[in-house]
């Protein structure tokens, strides 16, 4: 990975967007409702939770992917920030480098960058795909300070723990409806309140 000009003597905090900084499911649900579909919270999943109203079976996965791609191409700039996220990152940014690492299609870059700017969130955005451990390890290698990583998905947290074992990992699930359904792991503290999470991150990078 090319060097990003990170301050080597400052801690690094890498943060996901969807269901961490932003209320993805709320925004995506509104987006598909305008197109005649609905989200149900039957499981911790996305495509298996998309239904036609009144249907017993979820939408065909290919159609779900089409809606997902359309959302990131045209609608992902309309989601709301997670409660407390903006203030938490503002305060963390006073003592650490903040990078936003989002698994999203390349077509989302313009809208996602504008969303970060509009809400006063850090502008350093990297779009990726797949497990986040290798790219996080490459980012951590550019600094000499401590590091932390926040995501809602256990596979990404496990991947970072494997590839960047010195990085503190935290799980955060922003949507109240998803929280009871989200898998947990003893390897990664689960903190769904951003004020409390900020304090935990500050302790980890101090």
Protein backbone atom coordinates (compact mmCIF):
# COMPACT_ATOMS: atom_id res chain seq x y z
CA UNK A 1 0.00 0.00 0.00
CA UNK A 2 1.27 3.50 -0.82
CA UNK A 3 2.21 5.75 2.07
CA UNK A 4 -0.64 8.02 3.19
CA UNK A 5 1.35 10.65 5.04
CA UNK A 6 0.30 9.40 8.46
CA UNK A 7 2.08 10.96 11.41
CA UNK A 8 4.33 8.16 12.62
CA UNK A 9 4.33 9.35 16.22
CA UNK A 10 0.53 9.46 16.61
CA UNK A 11 -1.83 6.56 17.33
CA UNK A 12 -3.98 5.26 14.49
CA UNK A 13 -7.72 4.52 14.69
CA UNK A 14 -9.34 2.69 11.75
CA UNK A 15 -13.14 2.85 11.65
CA UNK A 16 -15.83 1.23 9.51
CA UNK A 17 -18.82 3.21 8.19
CA UNK A 18 -21.95 1.08 7.85
CA UNK A 19 -23.53 0.30 11.24
CA UNK A 20 -20.52 1.91 12.95
CA UNK A 21 -20.37 5.56 11.87
CA UNK A 22 -23.60 5.51 9.90
CA UNK A 23 -27.07 3.99 10.20
CA UNK A 24 -26.87 1.88 7.05
CA UNK A 25 -29.87 -0.37 7.61
CA UNK A 26 -32.12 2.59 8.36
CA UNK A 27 -31.03 4.37 5.18
CA UNK A 28 -31.09 1.27 3.00
CA UNK A 29 -34.51 0.32 4.35
CA UNK A 30 -35.91 3.73 3.36
CA UNK A 31 -34.25 3.43 -0.04
CA UNK A 32 -35.78 0.05 -0.90
CA UNK A 33 -39.17 1.06 0.54
CA UNK A 34 -39.34 3.73 -2.16
CA UNK A 35 -38.93 0.90 -4.66
CA UNK A 36 -41.66 -1.30 -3.21
CA UNK A 37 -39.67 -3.58 -0.91
CA UNK A 38 -39.24 -3.90 2.84
CA UNK A 39 -36.55 -4.89 5.33
CA UNK A 40 -37.34 -7.38 8.06
CA UNK A 41 -34.98 -8.04 10.93
CA UNK A 42 -35.14 -11.82 11.03
CA UNK A 43 -31.39 -12.42 11.21
CA UNK A 44 -28.05 -10.61 11.18
CA UNK A 45 -27.90 -10.43 7.41
CA UNK A 46 -28.80 -8.11 4.56
CA UNK A 47 -30.01 -9.82 1.41
CA UNK A 48 -31.98 -12.48 3.31
CA UNK A 49 -33.91 -9.67 5.05
CA UNK A 50 -35.27 -8.02 1.88
CA UNK A 51 -38.88 -8.93 1.07
CA UNK A 52 -41.73 -7.91 -1.11
CA UNK A 53 -44.55 -6.79 1.21
CA UNK A 54 -46.55 -9.82 2.33
CA UNK A 55 -44.10 -12.33 0.89
CA UNK A 56 -43.03 -15.35 2.95
CA UNK A 57 -39.69 -15.80 1.15
CA UNK A 58 -36.96 -13.19 0.93
CA UNK A 59 -36.16 -11.51 -2.36
CA UNK A 60 -34.00 -13.32 -4.87
CA UNK A 61 -30.36 -12.69 -3.94
CA UNK A 62 -29.48 -11.33 -7.39
CA UNK A 63 -32.24 -8.72 -7.08
CA UNK A 64 -31.01 -7.88 -3.59
CA UNK A 65 -27.51 -7.30 -4.94
CA UNK A 66 -28.94 -5.06 -7.64
CA UNK A 67 -30.66 -2.91 -5.00
CA UNK A 68 -27.48 -2.86 -2.92
CA UNK A 69 -25.39 -1.64 -5.87
CA UNK A 70 -27.99 0.98 -6.77
CA UNK A 71 -28.03 2.24 -3.19
CA UNK A 72 -24.27 2.73 -3.10
CA UNK A 73 -24.33 4.34 -6.53
CA UNK A 74 -27.13 6.80 -5.79
CA UNK A 75 -28.34 6.75 -2.17
CA UNK A 76 -25.55 6.02 0.32
CA UNK A 77 -25.00 9.72 0.95
CA UNK A 78 -28.38 9.99 2.66
CA UNK A 79 -27.78 7.82 5.73
CA UNK A 80 -27.75 9.38 9.20
CA UNK A 81 -24.68 9.32 11.44
CA UNK A 82 -24.77 6.84 14.32
CA UNK A 83 -25.67 8.58 17.59
CA UNK A 84 -22.56 10.01 19.21
CA UNK A 85 -20.20 9.02 16.40
CA UNK A 86 -19.42 12.52 15.11
CA UNK A 87 -18.51 13.89 18.54
CA UNK A 88 -16.51 10.77 19.43
CA UNK A 89 -14.37 10.96 16.29
CA UNK A 90 -13.91 14.70 16.71
CA UNK A 91 -12.44 14.09 20.14
CA UNK A 92 -10.38 11.09 19.05
CA UNK A 93 -8.99 13.13 16.16
CA UNK A 94 -7.35 15.50 18.61
CA UNK A 95 -4.94 12.76 19.68
CA UNK A 96 -4.91 10.16 16.87
CA UNK A 97 -4.87 9.73 13.12
CA UNK A 98 -8.32 8.58 11.95
CA UNK A 99 -8.83 6.50 8.81
CA UNK A 100 -12.23 5.43 7.47
CA UNK A 101 -12.10 1.92 5.97
CA UNK A 102 -15.34 0.92 4.26
CA UNK A 103 -16.20 -2.20 2.30
CA UNK A 104 -18.25 -0.55 -0.42
CA UNK A 105 -18.29 -0.52 -4.24
CA UNK A 106 -15.94 1.93 -5.94
CA UNK A 107 -19.00 3.80 -7.27
CA UNK A 108 -19.74 4.90 -3.71
CA UNK A 109 -16.55 6.93 -3.27
CA UNK A 110 -17.94 10.33 -4.29
CA UNK A 111 -21.14 10.09 -2.21
CA UNK A 112 -19.38 8.52 0.78
CA UNK A 113 -16.65 11.17 0.78
CA UNK A 114 -19.27 13.92 0.56
CA UNK A 115 -21.18 12.31 3.46
CA UNK A 116 -18.08 12.34 5.66
CA UNK A 117 -17.42 15.98 4.78
CA UNK A 118 -21.01 17.06 5.38
CA UNK A 119 -21.07 15.59 8.88
CA UNK A 120 -17.63 16.83 9.89
CA UNK A 121 -16.14 13.33 9.98
CA UNK A 122 -12.52 12.54 9.03
CA UNK A 123 -11.85 12.77 5.31
CA UNK A 124 -9.29 9.96 4.96
CA UNK A 125 -11.46 7.35 3.21
CA UNK A 126 -10.35 3.99 1.84
CA UNK A 127 -12.85 1.78 0.00
CA UNK A 128 -12.04 -1.92 0.00
CA UNK A 129 -13.58 -5.36 -0.24
CA UNK A 130 -13.09 -8.61 1.61
CA UNK A 131 -11.47 -9.18 5.03
CA UNK A 132 -9.95 -6.02 6.45
CA UNK A 133 -6.94 -7.52 8.20
CA UNK A 134 -4.33 -7.22 5.43
CA UNK A 135 -5.11 -3.61 4.57
CA UNK A 136 -5.28 -2.63 8.26
CA UNK A 137 -1.91 -4.27 8.87
CA UNK A 138 -0.43 -2.25 5.98
CA UNK A 139 -1.86 0.95 7.49
CA UNK A 140 -0.60 0.13 10.97
CA UNK A 141 2.87 -0.51 9.54
CA UNK A 142 3.01 3.16 8.49
CA UNK A 143 2.93 4.34 12.10
CA UNK A 144 4.90 3.62 15.26
CA UNK A 145 2.08 4.48 17.66
CA UNK A 146 -0.62 2.24 19.06
CA UNK A 147 -3.65 1.39 16.95
CA UNK A 148 -7.33 0.49 17.24
CA UNK A 149 -9.93 -0.88 14.82
CA UNK A 150 -13.74 -0.67 14.99
CA UNK A 151 -16.20 -2.71 12.91
CA UNK A 152 -19.59 -4.35 13.32
CA UNK A 153 -18.64 -7.66 11.69
CA UNK A 154 -16.79 -10.38 13.56
CA UNK A 155 -15.00 -11.71 10.41
CA UNK A 156 -13.40 -8.30 9.87
CA UNK A 157 -12.43 -8.03 13.52
CA UNK A 158 -10.96 -11.54 13.48
CA UNK A 159 -9.06 -10.71 10.29
CA UNK A 160 -7.50 -7.63 11.89
CA UNK A 161 -6.64 -9.59 15.02
CA UNK A 162 -4.83 -12.13 12.84
CA UNK A 163 -2.93 -9.73 10.58
CA UNK A 164 -2.33 -6.82 13.00
CA UNK A 165 -2.28 -8.54 16.40
CA UNK A 166 -1.06 -5.44 18.21
CA UNK A 167 -4.18 -3.53 17.20
CA UNK A 168 -7.00 -3.22 19.74
CA UNK A 169 -10.27 -4.39 18.17
CA UNK A 170 -13.77 -3.25 19.13
CA UNK A 171 -17.20 -4.26 17.87
CA UNK A 172 -19.94 -1.63 17.52
CA UNK A 173 -23.45 -2.24 16.13
CA UNK A 174 -25.31 1.02 15.63
CA UNK A 175 -28.84 -0.13 14.70
CA UNK A 176 -30.96 -0.98 17.75
CA UNK A 177 -32.83 -3.64 15.76
CA UNK A 178 -29.63 -5.42 14.76
CA UNK A 179 -28.00 -5.48 18.17
CA UNK A 180 -29.89 -8.52 19.53
CA UNK A 181 -29.09 -10.44 16.33
CA UNK A 182 -25.40 -9.57 15.95
CA UNK A 183 -22.92 -12.34 16.77
CA UNK A 184 -20.41 -11.56 19.52
CA UNK A 185 -16.89 -12.75 20.23
CA UNK A 186 -14.91 -12.78 23.45
CA UNK A 187 -11.91 -11.63 21.40
CA UNK A 188 -13.39 -8.18 20.71
CA UNK A 189 -15.14 -5.95 23.28
CA UNK A 190 -18.65 -5.11 22.10
CA UNK A 191 -19.46 -1.46 22.92
CA UNK A 192 -22.58 -0.04 21.27
CA UNK A 193 -22.48 3.39 22.93
CA UNK A 194 -20.09 5.76 21.15
CA UNK A 195 -19.22 7.79 24.25
CA UNK A 196 -18.18 4.63 26.07
CA UNK A 197 -16.43 3.31 22.98
CA UNK A 198 -14.41 6.51 22.63
CA UNK A 199 -13.17 6.13 26.18
CA UNK A 200 -12.18 2.51 25.54
CA UNK A 201 -10.33 3.46 22.35
CA UNK A 202 -8.53 6.29 24.13
CA UNK A 203 -7.39 3.88 26.83
CA UNK A 204 -6.19 1.38 24.22
CA UNK A 205 -4.09 3.89 22.28
CA UNK A 206 -2.64 5.77 25.25
